[in-house]
Amino acid sequence: MRQKFKTYLCYLTIIVLLPYIITAFINGPSMASSSNINTAHVKVKTDAGTIELSMEEYCIGILAKEIPADYKIEALKAQAILVRTEVYARLKEGGQDTELEEGFWTREQMEEAWGAVKTSANYNKFQRVWQETEGQILTYEGNPAKTSFFRLSNGSTRDGKEALGDDGYPYLKIVDCPLDIEAKEQIQTVTLDDMDAEITECDTAGYVLTVRVGNESISGEEFRSTHHLASSCFTFQKYNGKLRITTRGVGHGLGMSQYTANEMAKDGADAATVLAYFFEGTELKEVADIV
């Protein structure tokens, strides 16, 4: 009698667990792994020291800081995938104890920028795109891709080999962004005290690679950062004893133009189409299959 009861319990257990066993078999281990992605905690360096945040909270903070909240959902999804890819690339390289340094907005900073009412709506919007792209990263030959992005190009993106001096990023190619030229931020002008400066080298897309300042040669990015220029695409003009600098675009010009991504989304392109346009030859994969 006791043996029959044990046998009955075994059959009952199998019947109850069978659907879960089948589901796990079909979806594989990545299902469990990906479900924990957003709740994982990461270490983040801040001015106040190193803190721990959930992956979701940290990456939503990056999204809030880096892309306009009023952009279309598919453009925001593309951005979310780029952010996730960069974070997991760093974790894969340095391990789970890696201290991440990418700047992000806290809820307090969001409220300062948007106000309390808009913060709630915008946070929910970013949370939606983060969760709807859960687990997705951009890869090249099985590894996380370099997912550079910027606000607005000068009409085209840059070639990765020219910009970085490294041929390891063949998917970072010159891509036409004609709609960027129409943006109101496209051309900006800054006037500085006159200096002995000359642009000595530009890349194919027109972004500055090197600048001579006095007897020193520095990169275009360093000059841009030092003088707080909107873009790495700039020209010099002597004017009334001053140096007038005219910039085109906003940002370094490498990778995805957020402005064009948003214009593509307005025309019905989904996030995958946007990413395929800017990162030719890459693939969308589940992070659990890579990291």
C-alpha atoms as a PDB file:
ATOM      1  CA  MET A   1       0.000   0.000   0.000  1.00  0.00           C
ATOM      2  CA  ARG A   2       2.784   2.393   0.960  1.00  0.00           C
ATOM      3  CA  GLN A   3       4.656   1.589  -2.250  1.00  0.00           C
ATOM      4  CA  LYS A   4       1.543   2.334  -4.343  1.00  0.00           C
ATOM      5  CA  PHE A   5       1.136   5.668  -2.539  1.00  0.00           C
ATOM      6  CA  LYS A   6       4.755   6.612  -3.317  1.00  0.00           C
ATOM      7  CA  THR A   7       4.260   5.654  -6.950  1.00  0.00           C
ATOM      8  CA  TYR A   8       1.095   7.784  -7.081  1.00  0.00           C
ATOM      9  CA  LEU A   9       2.975  10.771  -5.651  1.00  0.00           C
ATOM     10  CA  CYS A  10       5.753  10.379  -8.215  1.00  0.00           C
ATOM     11  CA  TYR A  11       3.270  10.375 -11.106  1.00  0.00           C
ATOM     12  CA  LEU A  12       1.437  13.365  -9.637  1.00  0.00           C
ATOM     13  CA  THR A  13       4.698  15.302  -9.282  1.00  0.00           C
ATOM     14  CA  ILE A  14       5.650  14.571 -12.881  1.00  0.00           C
ATOM     15  CA  ILE A  15       2.233  15.694 -14.137  1.00  0.00           C
ATOM     16  CA  VAL A  16       2.447  18.951 -12.189  1.00  0.00           C
ATOM     17  CA  LEU A  17       6.023  19.731 -13.246  1.00  0.00           C
ATOM     18  CA  LEU A  18       5.771  18.562 -16.851  1.00  0.00           C
ATOM     19  CA  PRO A  19       4.660  21.922 -18.312  1.00  0.00           C
ATOM     20  CA  TYR A  20       7.597  23.690 -16.610  1.00  0.00           C
ATOM     21  CA  ILE A  21      10.040  21.054 -17.800  1.00  0.00           C
ATOM     22  CA  ILE A  22       8.793  21.385 -21.387  1.00  0.00           C
ATOM     23  CA  THR A  23       8.972  25.194 -21.229  1.00  0.00           C
ATOM     24  CA  ALA A  24      12.544  25.099 -19.903  1.00  0.00           C
ATOM     25  CA  PHE A  25      13.512  22.603 -22.608  1.00  0.00           C
ATOM     26  CA  ILE A  26      12.054  24.776 -25.388  1.00  0.00           C
ATOM     27  CA  ASN A  27      13.406  28.117 -24.156  1.00  0.00           C
ATOM     28  CA  GLY A  28      16.703  26.884 -22.790  1.00  0.00           C
ATOM     29  CA  PRO A  29      18.712  28.385 -19.922  1.00  0.00           C
ATOM     30  CA  SER A  30      18.600  31.872 -21.462  1.00  0.00           C
ATOM     31  CA  MET A  31      15.010  32.300 -20.333  1.00  0.00           C
ATOM     32  CA  ALA A  32      15.918  32.239 -16.681  1.00  0.00           C
ATOM     33  CA  SER A  33      19.016  34.310 -17.275  1.00  0.00           C
ATOM     34  CA  SER A  34      17.264  37.025 -19.255  1.00  0.00           C
ATOM     35  CA  SER A  35      14.513  37.316 -16.670  1.00  0.00           C
ATOM     36  CA  ASN A  36      17.124  38.393 -14.139  1.00  0.00           C
ATOM     37  CA  ILE A  37      18.824  40.943 -16.388  1.00  0.00           C
ATOM     38  CA  ASN A  38      16.839  43.989 -15.330  1.00  0.00           C
ATOM     39  CA  THR A  39      16.979  43.144 -11.618  1.00  0.00           C
ATOM     40  CA  ALA A  40      20.751  42.554 -11.546  1.00  0.00           C
ATOM     41  CA  HIS A  41      22.710  45.181  -9.636  1.00  0.00           C
ATOM     42  CA  VAL A  42      25.788  46.997 -10.892  1.00  0.00           C
ATOM     43  CA  LYS A  43      28.426  49.162  -9.264  1.00  0.00           C
ATOM     44  CA  VAL A  44      28.511  52.736 -10.503  1.00  0.00           C
ATOM     45  CA  LYS A  45      31.130  55.417  -9.857  1.00  0.00           C
ATOM     46  CA  THR A  46      29.694  58.801  -8.907  1.00  0.00           C
ATOM     47  CA  ASP A  47      31.141  62.020  -7.528  1.00  0.00           C
ATOM     48  CA  ALA A  48      29.967  60.881  -4.099  1.00  0.00           C
ATOM     49  CA  GLY A  49      31.628  57.483  -4.408  1.00  0.00           C
ATOM     50  CA  THR A  50      30.674  54.034  -5.687  1.00  0.00           C
ATOM     51  CA  ILE A  51      27.023  53.038  -5.355  1.00  0.00           C
ATOM     52  CA  GLU A  52      24.911  50.026  -6.313  1.00  0.00           C
ATOM     53  CA  LEU A  53      21.931  50.359  -8.629  1.00  0.00           C
ATOM     54  CA  SER A  54      19.698  47.897 -10.418  1.00  0.00           C
ATOM     55  CA  MET A  55      20.630  47.474 -14.054  1.00  0.00           C
ATOM     56  CA  GLU A  56      17.259  48.896 -15.098  1.00  0.00           C
ATOM     57  CA  GLU A  57      17.504  52.017 -12.935  1.00  0.00           C
ATOM     58  CA  TYR A  58      21.052  52.747 -14.050  1.00  0.00           C
ATOM     59  CA  CYS A  59      20.372  52.308 -17.763  1.00  0.00           C
ATOM     60  CA  ILE A  60      17.141  54.301 -17.664  1.00  0.00           C
ATOM     61  CA  GLY A  61      19.221  57.058 -16.074  1.00  0.00           C
ATOM     62  CA  ILE A  62      21.641  56.886 -19.013  1.00  0.00           C
ATOM     63  CA  LEU A  63      18.781  57.029 -21.498  1.00  0.00           C
ATOM     64  CA  ALA A  64      17.284  60.045 -19.735  1.00  0.00           C
ATOM     65  CA  LYS A  65      20.614  61.863 -19.908  1.00  0.00           C
ATOM     66  CA  GLU A  66      21.565  60.927 -23.450  1.00  0.00           C
ATOM     67  CA  ILE A  67      18.463  61.106 -25.677  1.00  0.00           C
ATOM     68  CA  PRO A  68      15.424  63.429 -25.811  1.00  0.00           C
ATOM     69  CA  ALA A  69      12.437  61.845 -24.071  1.00  0.00           C
ATOM     70  CA  ASP A  70      10.036  63.053 -26.758  1.00  0.00           C
ATOM     71  CA  TYR A  71      11.688  60.929 -29.443  1.00  0.00           C
ATOM     72  CA  LYS A  72       9.678  58.106 -31.013  1.00  0.00           C
ATOM     73  CA  ILE A  73       9.453  54.751 -29.244  1.00  0.00           C
ATOM     74  CA  GLU A  74      11.434  52.805 -31.868  1.00  0.00           C
ATOM     75  CA  ALA A  75      14.275  55.342 -31.780  1.00  0.00           C
ATOM     76  CA  LEU A  76      14.335  55.038 -27.987  1.00  0.00           C
ATOM     77  CA  LYS A  77      14.359  51.247 -28.279  1.00  0.00           C
ATOM     78  CA  ALA A  78      17.371  51.428 -30.579  1.00  0.00           C
ATOM     79  CA  GLN A  79      19.104  53.650 -28.025  1.00  0.00           C
ATOM     80  CA  ALA A  80      18.207  51.270 -25.185  1.00  0.00           C
ATOM     81  CA  ILE A  81      19.839  48.385 -27.058  1.00  0.00           C
ATOM     82  CA  LEU A  82      22.999  50.438 -27.619  1.00  0.00           C
ATOM     83  CA  VAL A  83      23.174  51.329 -23.918  1.00  0.00           C
ATOM     84  CA  ARG A  84      22.616  47.732 -22.821  1.00  0.00           C
ATOM     85  CA  THR A  85      25.275  46.517 -25.245  1.00  0.00           C
ATOM     86  CA  GLU A  86      27.865  48.964 -23.913  1.00  0.00           C
ATOM     87  CA  VAL A  87      27.144  48.112 -20.264  1.00  0.00           C
ATOM     88  CA  TYR A  88      27.355  44.367 -20.815  1.00  0.00           C
ATOM     89  CA  ALA A  89      30.484  44.717 -22.930  1.00  0.00           C
ATOM     90  CA  ARG A  90      32.147  46.383 -19.944  1.00  0.00           C
ATOM     91  CA  LEU A  91      30.862  43.728 -17.556  1.00  0.00           C
ATOM     92  CA  LYS A  92      32.038  40.952 -19.860  1.00  0.00           C
ATOM     93  CA  GLU A  93      35.489  42.511 -20.046  1.00  0.00           C
ATOM     94  CA  GLY A  94      35.910  43.363 -16.355  1.00  0.00           C
ATOM     95  CA  GLY A  95      33.587  40.953 -14.553  1.00  0.00           C
ATOM     96  CA  GLN A  96      30.609  41.551 -12.295  1.00  0.00           C
ATOM     97  CA  ASP A  97      32.633  43.742  -9.921  1.00  0.00           C
ATOM     98  CA  THR A  98      33.377  46.284 -12.671  1.00  0.00           C
ATOM     99  CA  GLU A  99      32.691  49.844 -11.584  1.00  0.00           C
ATOM    100  CA  LEU A 100      30.752  51.508 -14.399  1.00  0.00           C
ATOM    101  CA  GLU A 101      31.463  55.155 -15.137  1.00  0.00           C
ATOM    102  CA  GLU A 102      28.929  56.205 -17.760  1.00  0.00           C
ATOM    103  CA  GLY A 103      27.114  59.333 -16.605  1.00  0.00           C
ATOM    104  CA  PHE A 104      23.422  59.001 -15.766  1.00  0.00           C
ATOM    105  CA  TRP A 105      20.543  61.021 -14.345  1.00  0.00           C
ATOM    106  CA  THR A 106      19.022  60.282 -10.973  1.00  0.00           C
ATOM    107  CA  ARG A 107      15.303  60.825 -10.428  1.00  0.00           C
ATOM    108  CA  GLU A 108      16.179  64.128  -8.758  1.00  0.00           C
ATOM    109  CA  GLN A 109      18.105  65.280 -11.836  1.00  0.00           C
ATOM    110  CA  MET A 110      15.219  64.238 -14.066  1.00  0.00           C
ATOM    111  CA  GLU A 111      12.840  66.338 -11.980  1.00  0.00           C
ATOM    112  CA  GLU A 112      15.209  69.303 -12.219  1.00  0.00           C
ATOM    113  CA  ALA A 113      15.233  68.956 -16.010  1.00  0.00           C
ATOM    114  CA  TRP A 114      11.590  68.050 -16.638  1.00  0.00           C
ATOM    115  CA  GLY A 115       9.544  68.821 -13.532  1.00  0.00           C
ATOM    116  CA  ALA A 116       7.723  66.251 -11.399  1.00  0.00           C
ATOM    117  CA  VAL A 117       4.795  65.561 -13.756  1.00  0.00           C
ATOM    118  CA  LYS A 118       6.888  65.074 -16.909  1.00  0.00           C
ATOM    119  CA  THR A 119       9.432  63.011 -14.984  1.00  0.00           C
ATOM    120  CA  SER A 120       6.817  60.408 -14.146  1.00  0.00           C
ATOM    121  CA  ALA A 121       5.643  60.173 -17.760  1.00  0.00           C
ATOM    122  CA  ASN A 122       9.149  60.178 -19.234  1.00  0.00           C
ATOM    123  CA  TYR A 123      10.445  57.604 -16.744  1.00  0.00           C
ATOM    124  CA  ASN A 124       7.567  55.295 -17.618  1.00  0.00           C
ATOM    125  CA  LYS A 125       8.347  55.756 -21.309  1.00  0.00           C
ATOM    126  CA  PHE A 126      12.013  54.879 -20.840  1.00  0.00           C
ATOM    127  CA  GLN A 127      11.072  51.955 -18.602  1.00  0.00           C
ATOM    128  CA  ARG A 128       8.770  50.681 -21.329  1.00  0.00           C
ATOM    129  CA  VAL A 129      11.464  50.735 -24.041  1.00  0.00           C
ATOM    130  CA  TRP A 130      13.953  49.136 -21.659  1.00  0.00           C
ATOM    131  CA  GLN A 131      11.602  46.287 -20.810  1.00  0.00           C
ATOM    132  CA  GLU A 132      10.344  45.784 -24.366  1.00  0.00           C
ATOM    133  CA  THR A 133      13.939  45.282 -25.535  1.00  0.00           C
ATOM    134  CA  GLU A 134      14.822  43.143 -22.523  1.00  0.00           C
ATOM    135  CA  GLY A 135      17.952  41.085 -23.042  1.00  0.00           C
ATOM    136  CA  GLN A 136      18.720  42.410 -26.544  1.00  0.00           C
ATOM    137  CA  ILE A 137      22.237  43.548 -27.429  1.00  0.00           C
ATOM    138  CA  LEU A 138      24.002  44.322 -30.689  1.00  0.00           C
ATOM    139  CA  THR A 139      26.748  41.891 -31.669  1.00  0.00           C
ATOM    140  CA  TYR A 140      29.401  41.434 -34.314  1.00  0.00           C
ATOM    141  CA  GLU A 141      30.900  37.993 -34.881  1.00  0.00           C
ATOM    142  CA  GLY A 142      29.474  36.810 -31.565  1.00  0.00           C
ATOM    143  CA  ASN A 143      30.752  39.651 -29.406  1.00  0.00           C
ATOM    144  CA  PRO A 144      29.160  42.891 -28.197  1.00  0.00           C
ATOM    145  CA  ALA A 145      29.601  45.559 -30.861  1.00  0.00           C
ATOM    146  CA  LYS A 146      31.023  49.027 -30.228  1.00  0.00           C
ATOM    147  CA  THR A 147      27.784  50.964 -29.969  1.00  0.00           C
ATOM    148  CA  SER A 148      28.770  54.595 -30.377  1.00  0.00           C
ATOM    149  CA  PHE A 149      26.034  57.193 -30.751  1.00  0.00           C
ATOM    150  CA  PHE A 150      25.672  60.962 -30.905  1.00  0.00           C
ATOM    151  CA  ARG A 151      22.937  63.557 -31.324  1.00  0.00           C
ATOM    152  CA  LEU A 152      23.306  64.947 -34.849  1.00  0.00           C
ATOM    153  CA  SER A 153      25.698  64.415 -37.772  1.00  0.00           C
ATOM    154  CA  ASN A 154      27.035  66.924 -40.296  1.00  0.00           C
ATOM    155  CA  GLY A 155      25.135  65.013 -42.970  1.00  0.00           C
ATOM    156  CA  SER A 156      26.895  61.662 -42.608  1.00  0.00           C
ATOM    157  CA  THR A 157      28.473  59.478 -39.947  1.00  0.00           C
ATOM    158  CA  ARG A 158      32.187  58.720 -39.743  1.00  0.00           C
ATOM    159  CA  ASP A 159      34.292  55.744 -40.762  1.00  0.00           C
ATOM    160  CA  GLY A 160      35.413  53.782 -37.702  1.00  0.00           C
ATOM    161  CA  LYS A 161      38.922  53.113 -38.952  1.00  0.00           C
ATOM    162  CA  GLU A 162      39.535  56.799 -39.690  1.00  0.00           C
ATOM    163  CA  ALA A 163      37.992  58.058 -36.452  1.00  0.00           C
ATOM    164  CA  LEU A 164      39.515  55.480 -34.109  1.00  0.00           C
ATOM    165  CA  GLY A 165      42.672  54.529 -35.978  1.00  0.00           C
ATOM    166  CA  ASP A 166      41.613  50.898 -35.636  1.00  0.00           C
ATOM    167  CA  ASP A 167      40.257  48.569 -38.331  1.00  0.00           C
ATOM    168  CA  GLY A 168      38.506  46.352 -35.768  1.00  0.00           C
ATOM    169  CA  TYR A 169      35.119  47.976 -36.318  1.00  0.00           C
ATOM    170  CA  PRO A 170      34.187  47.283 -39.958  1.00  0.00           C
ATOM    171  CA  TYR A 171      30.497  47.859 -39.167  1.00  0.00           C
ATOM    172  CA  LEU A 172      31.166  51.525 -38.333  1.00  0.00           C
ATOM    173  CA  LYS A 173      30.957  52.962 -41.832  1.00  0.00           C
ATOM    174  CA  ILE A 174      30.064  56.288 -43.387  1.00  0.00           C
ATOM    175  CA  VAL A 175      26.270  56.442 -43.501  1.00  0.00           C
ATOM    176  CA  ASP A 176      24.298  59.240 -45.151  1.00  0.00           C
ATOM    177  CA  CYS A 177      22.042  61.270 -42.830  1.00  0.00           C
ATOM    178  CA  PRO A 178      20.629  63.957 -45.142  1.00  0.00           C
ATOM    179  CA  LEU A 179      17.811  64.938 -42.772  1.00  0.00           C
ATOM    180  CA  ASP A 180      20.364  65.934 -40.129  1.00  0.00           C
ATOM    181  CA  ILE A 181      21.319  68.914 -42.254  1.00  0.00           C
ATOM    182  CA  GLU A 182      17.827  70.358 -41.768  1.00  0.00           C
ATOM    183  CA  ALA A 183      17.964  70.291 -37.947  1.00  0.00           C
ATOM    184  CA  LYS A 184      17.948  73.665 -36.216  1.00  0.00           C
ATOM    185  CA  GLU A 185      21.087  72.747 -34.227  1.00  0.00           C
ATOM    186  CA  GLN A 186      23.015  71.861 -37.388  1.00  0.00           C
ATOM    187  CA  ILE A 187      25.227  74.958 -37.510  1.00  0.00           C
ATOM    188  CA  GLN A 188      26.531  76.732 -34.402  1.00  0.00           C
ATOM    189  CA  THR A 189      29.193  79.392 -33.917  1.00  0.00           C
ATOM    190  CA  VAL A 190      31.584  80.069 -31.053  1.00  0.00           C
ATOM    191  CA  THR A 191      33.968  83.028 -30.847  1.00  0.00           C
ATOM    192  CA  LEU A 192      37.210  82.682 -28.873  1.00  0.00           C
ATOM    193  CA  ASP A 193      40.186  84.891 -28.217  1.00  0.00           C
ATOM    194  CA  ASP A 194      42.549  84.672 -31.149  1.00  0.00           C
ATOM    195  CA  MET A 195      45.111  81.889 -30.987  1.00  0.00           C
ATOM    196  CA  ASP A 196      47.748  80.341 -33.183  1.00  0.00           C
ATOM    197  CA  ALA A 197      45.658  77.364 -34.288  1.00  0.00           C
ATOM    198  CA  GLU A 198      45.247  75.495 -37.554  1.00  0.00           C
ATOM    199  CA  ILE A 199      43.243  72.438 -38.582  1.00  0.00           C
ATOM    200  CA  THR A 200      45.789  70.041 -40.020  1.00  0.00           C
ATOM    201  CA  GLU A 201      43.800  66.898 -40.822  1.00  0.00           C
ATOM    202  CA  CYS A 202      40.165  65.913 -41.390  1.00  0.00           C
ATOM    203  CA  ASP A 203      38.596  62.550 -42.145  1.00  0.00           C
ATOM    204  CA  THR A 204      36.518  61.652 -45.192  1.00  0.00           C
ATOM    205  CA  ALA A 205      33.279  62.765 -43.530  1.00  0.00           C
ATOM    206  CA  GLY A 206      34.724  66.191 -42.704  1.00  0.00           C
ATOM    207  CA  TYR A 207      35.362  65.717 -38.988  1.00  0.00           C
ATOM    208  CA  VAL A 208      38.597  67.123 -37.581  1.00  0.00           C
ATOM    209  CA  LEU A 209      41.286  64.590 -36.729  1.00  0.00           C
ATOM    210  CA  THR A 210      44.156  66.887 -35.671  1.00  0.00           C
ATOM    211  CA  VAL A 211      44.688  70.550 -34.820  1.00  0.00           C
ATOM    212  CA  ARG A 212      47.964  72.403 -34.454  1.00  0.00           C
ATOM    213  CA  VAL A 213      47.880  74.767 -31.480  1.00  0.00           C
ATOM    214  CA  GLY A 214      51.162  76.638 -31.307  1.00  0.00           C
ATOM    215  CA  ASN A 215      53.854  73.981 -31.541  1.00  0.00           C
ATOM    216  CA  GLU A 216      51.593  71.225 -30.274  1.00  0.00           C
ATOM    217  CA  SER A 217      49.414  68.841 -32.275  1.00  0.00           C
ATOM    218  CA  ILE A 218      46.227  67.624 -30.561  1.00  0.00           C
ATOM    219  CA  SER A 219      43.236  65.568 -31.670  1.00  0.00           C
ATOM    220  CA  GLY A 220      40.058  67.160 -32.914  1.00  0.00           C
ATOM    221  CA  GLU A 221      38.179  65.552 -30.024  1.00  0.00           C
ATOM    222  CA  GLU A 222      40.564  67.053 -27.483  1.00  0.00           C
ATOM    223  CA  PHE A 223      40.213  70.502 -29.038  1.00  0.00           C
ATOM    224  CA  ARG A 224      36.440  70.133 -29.085  1.00  0.00           C
ATOM    225  CA  SER A 225      36.355  69.106 -25.415  1.00  0.00           C
ATOM    226  CA  THR A 226      38.734  71.850 -24.288  1.00  0.00           C
ATOM    227  CA  HIS A 227      36.696  74.595 -25.939  1.00  0.00           C
ATOM    228  CA  HIS A 228      33.254  73.062 -25.360  1.00  0.00           C
ATOM    229  CA  LEU A 229      32.358  72.854 -29.044  1.00  0.00           C
ATOM    230  CA  ALA A 230      29.093  71.255 -30.129  1.00  0.00           C
ATOM    231  CA  SER A 231      30.718  69.003 -32.716  1.00  0.00           C
ATOM    232  CA  SER A 232      34.004  67.514 -33.881  1.00  0.00           C
ATOM    233  CA  CYS A 233      33.229  68.894 -37.341  1.00  0.00           C
ATOM    234  CA  PHE A 234      34.410  72.506 -37.243  1.00  0.00           C
ATOM    235  CA  THR A 235      36.195  75.232 -39.193  1.00  0.00           C
ATOM    236  CA  PHE A 236      38.248  78.299 -38.176  1.00  0.00           C
ATOM    237  CA  GLN A 237      37.897  81.886 -39.326  1.00  0.00           C
ATOM    238  CA  LYS A 238      39.852  84.919 -38.128  1.00  0.00           C
ATOM    239  CA  TYR A 239      37.409  87.729 -37.381  1.00  0.00           C
ATOM    240  CA  ASN A 240      38.062  91.142 -35.754  1.00  0.00           C
ATOM    241  CA  GLY A 241      41.002  89.870 -33.758  1.00  0.00           C
ATOM    242  CA  LYS A 242      39.061  86.808 -32.639  1.00  0.00           C
ATOM    243  CA  LEU A 243      38.883  83.180 -33.716  1.00  0.00           C
ATOM    244  CA  ARG A 244      35.403  82.277 -34.925  1.00  0.00           C
ATOM    245  CA  ILE A 245      34.684  78.551 -34.898  1.00  0.00           C
ATOM    246  CA  THR A 246      31.728  77.183 -36.840  1.00  0.00           C
ATOM    247  CA  THR A 247      30.532  73.672 -36.006  1.00  0.00           C
ATOM    248  CA  ARG A 248      28.254  71.322 -37.913  1.00  0.00           C
ATOM    249  CA  GLY A 249      26.215  68.678 -36.136  1.00  0.00           C
ATOM    250  CA  VAL A 250      26.243  67.751 -32.450  1.00  0.00           C
ATOM    251  CA  GLY A 251      28.649  65.153 -31.084  1.00  0.00           C
ATOM    252  CA  HIS A 252      31.553  63.066 -32.349  1.00  0.00           C
ATOM    253  CA  GLY A 253      29.791  61.712 -35.448  1.00  0.00           C
ATOM    254  CA  LEU A 254      30.586  58.017 -34.922  1.00  0.00           C
ATOM    255  CA  GLY A 255      27.872  55.353 -34.889  1.00  0.00           C
ATOM    256  CA  MET A 256      24.167  56.175 -34.663  1.00  0.00           C
ATOM    257  CA  SER A 257      22.786  59.651 -35.250  1.00  0.00           C
ATOM    258  CA  GLN A 258      19.914  59.930 -32.789  1.00  0.00           C
ATOM    259  CA  TYR A 259      18.256  62.590 -34.936  1.00  0.00           C
ATOM    260  CA  THR A 260      18.178  60.396 -38.043  1.00  0.00           C
ATOM    261  CA  ALA A 261      17.103  57.401 -35.931  1.00  0.00           C
ATOM    262  CA  ASN A 262      14.110  59.419 -34.773  1.00  0.00           C
ATOM    263  CA  GLU A 263      13.290  60.559 -38.309  1.00  0.00           C
ATOM    264  CA  MET A 264      13.422  56.931 -39.455  1.00  0.00           C
ATOM    265  CA  ALA A 265      11.103  55.952 -36.603  1.00  0.00           C
ATOM    266  CA  LYS A 266       8.655  58.675 -37.682  1.00  0.00           C
ATOM    267  CA  ASP A 267       8.567  56.994 -41.105  1.00  0.00           C
ATOM    268  CA  GLY A 268       7.738  53.612 -39.559  1.00  0.00           C
ATOM    269  CA  ALA A 269      11.164  52.002 -39.140  1.00  0.00           C
ATOM    270  CA  ASP A 270      11.517  49.734 -36.119  1.00  0.00           C
ATOM    271  CA  ALA A 271      14.548  49.596 -33.834  1.00  0.00           C
ATOM    272  CA  ALA A 272      16.097  46.639 -35.664  1.00  0.00           C
ATOM    273  CA  THR A 273      15.920  48.494 -38.984  1.00  0.00           C
ATOM    274  CA  VAL A 274      17.479  51.602 -37.460  1.00  0.00           C
ATOM    275  CA  LEU A 275      20.369  49.618 -35.977  1.00  0.00           C
ATOM    276  CA  ALA A 276      20.958  47.680 -39.195  1.00  0.00           C
ATOM    277  CA  TYR A 277      21.250  51.006 -41.046  1.00  0.00           C
ATOM    278  CA  PHE A 278      23.934  52.421 -38.762  1.00  0.00           C
ATOM    279  CA  PHE A 279      25.773  49.205 -37.840  1.00  0.00           C
ATOM    280  CA  GLU A 280      25.879  47.159 -41.037  1.00  0.00           C
ATOM    281  CA  GLY A 281      26.714  43.505 -40.533  1.00  0.00           C
ATOM    282  CA  THR A 282      25.804  43.372 -36.840  1.00  0.00           C
ATOM    283  CA  GLU A 283      23.178  41.094 -35.278  1.00  0.00           C
ATOM    284  CA  LEU A 284      20.679  41.436 -32.448  1.00  0.00           C
ATOM    285  CA  LYS A 285      21.122  38.652 -29.903  1.00  0.00           C
ATOM    286  CA  GLU A 286      20.112  37.804 -26.364  1.00  0.00           C
ATOM    287  CA  VAL A 287      22.662  38.956 -23.825  1.00  0.00           C
ATOM    288  CA  ALA A 288      22.393  35.625 -22.010  1.00  0.00           C
ATOM    289  CA  ASP A 289      23.840  33.940 -25.110  1.00  0.00           C
ATOM    290  CA  ILE A 290      26.875  36.252 -25.121  1.00  0.00           C
ATOM    291  CA  VAL A 291      27.783  37.179 -21.545  1.00  0.00           C
END
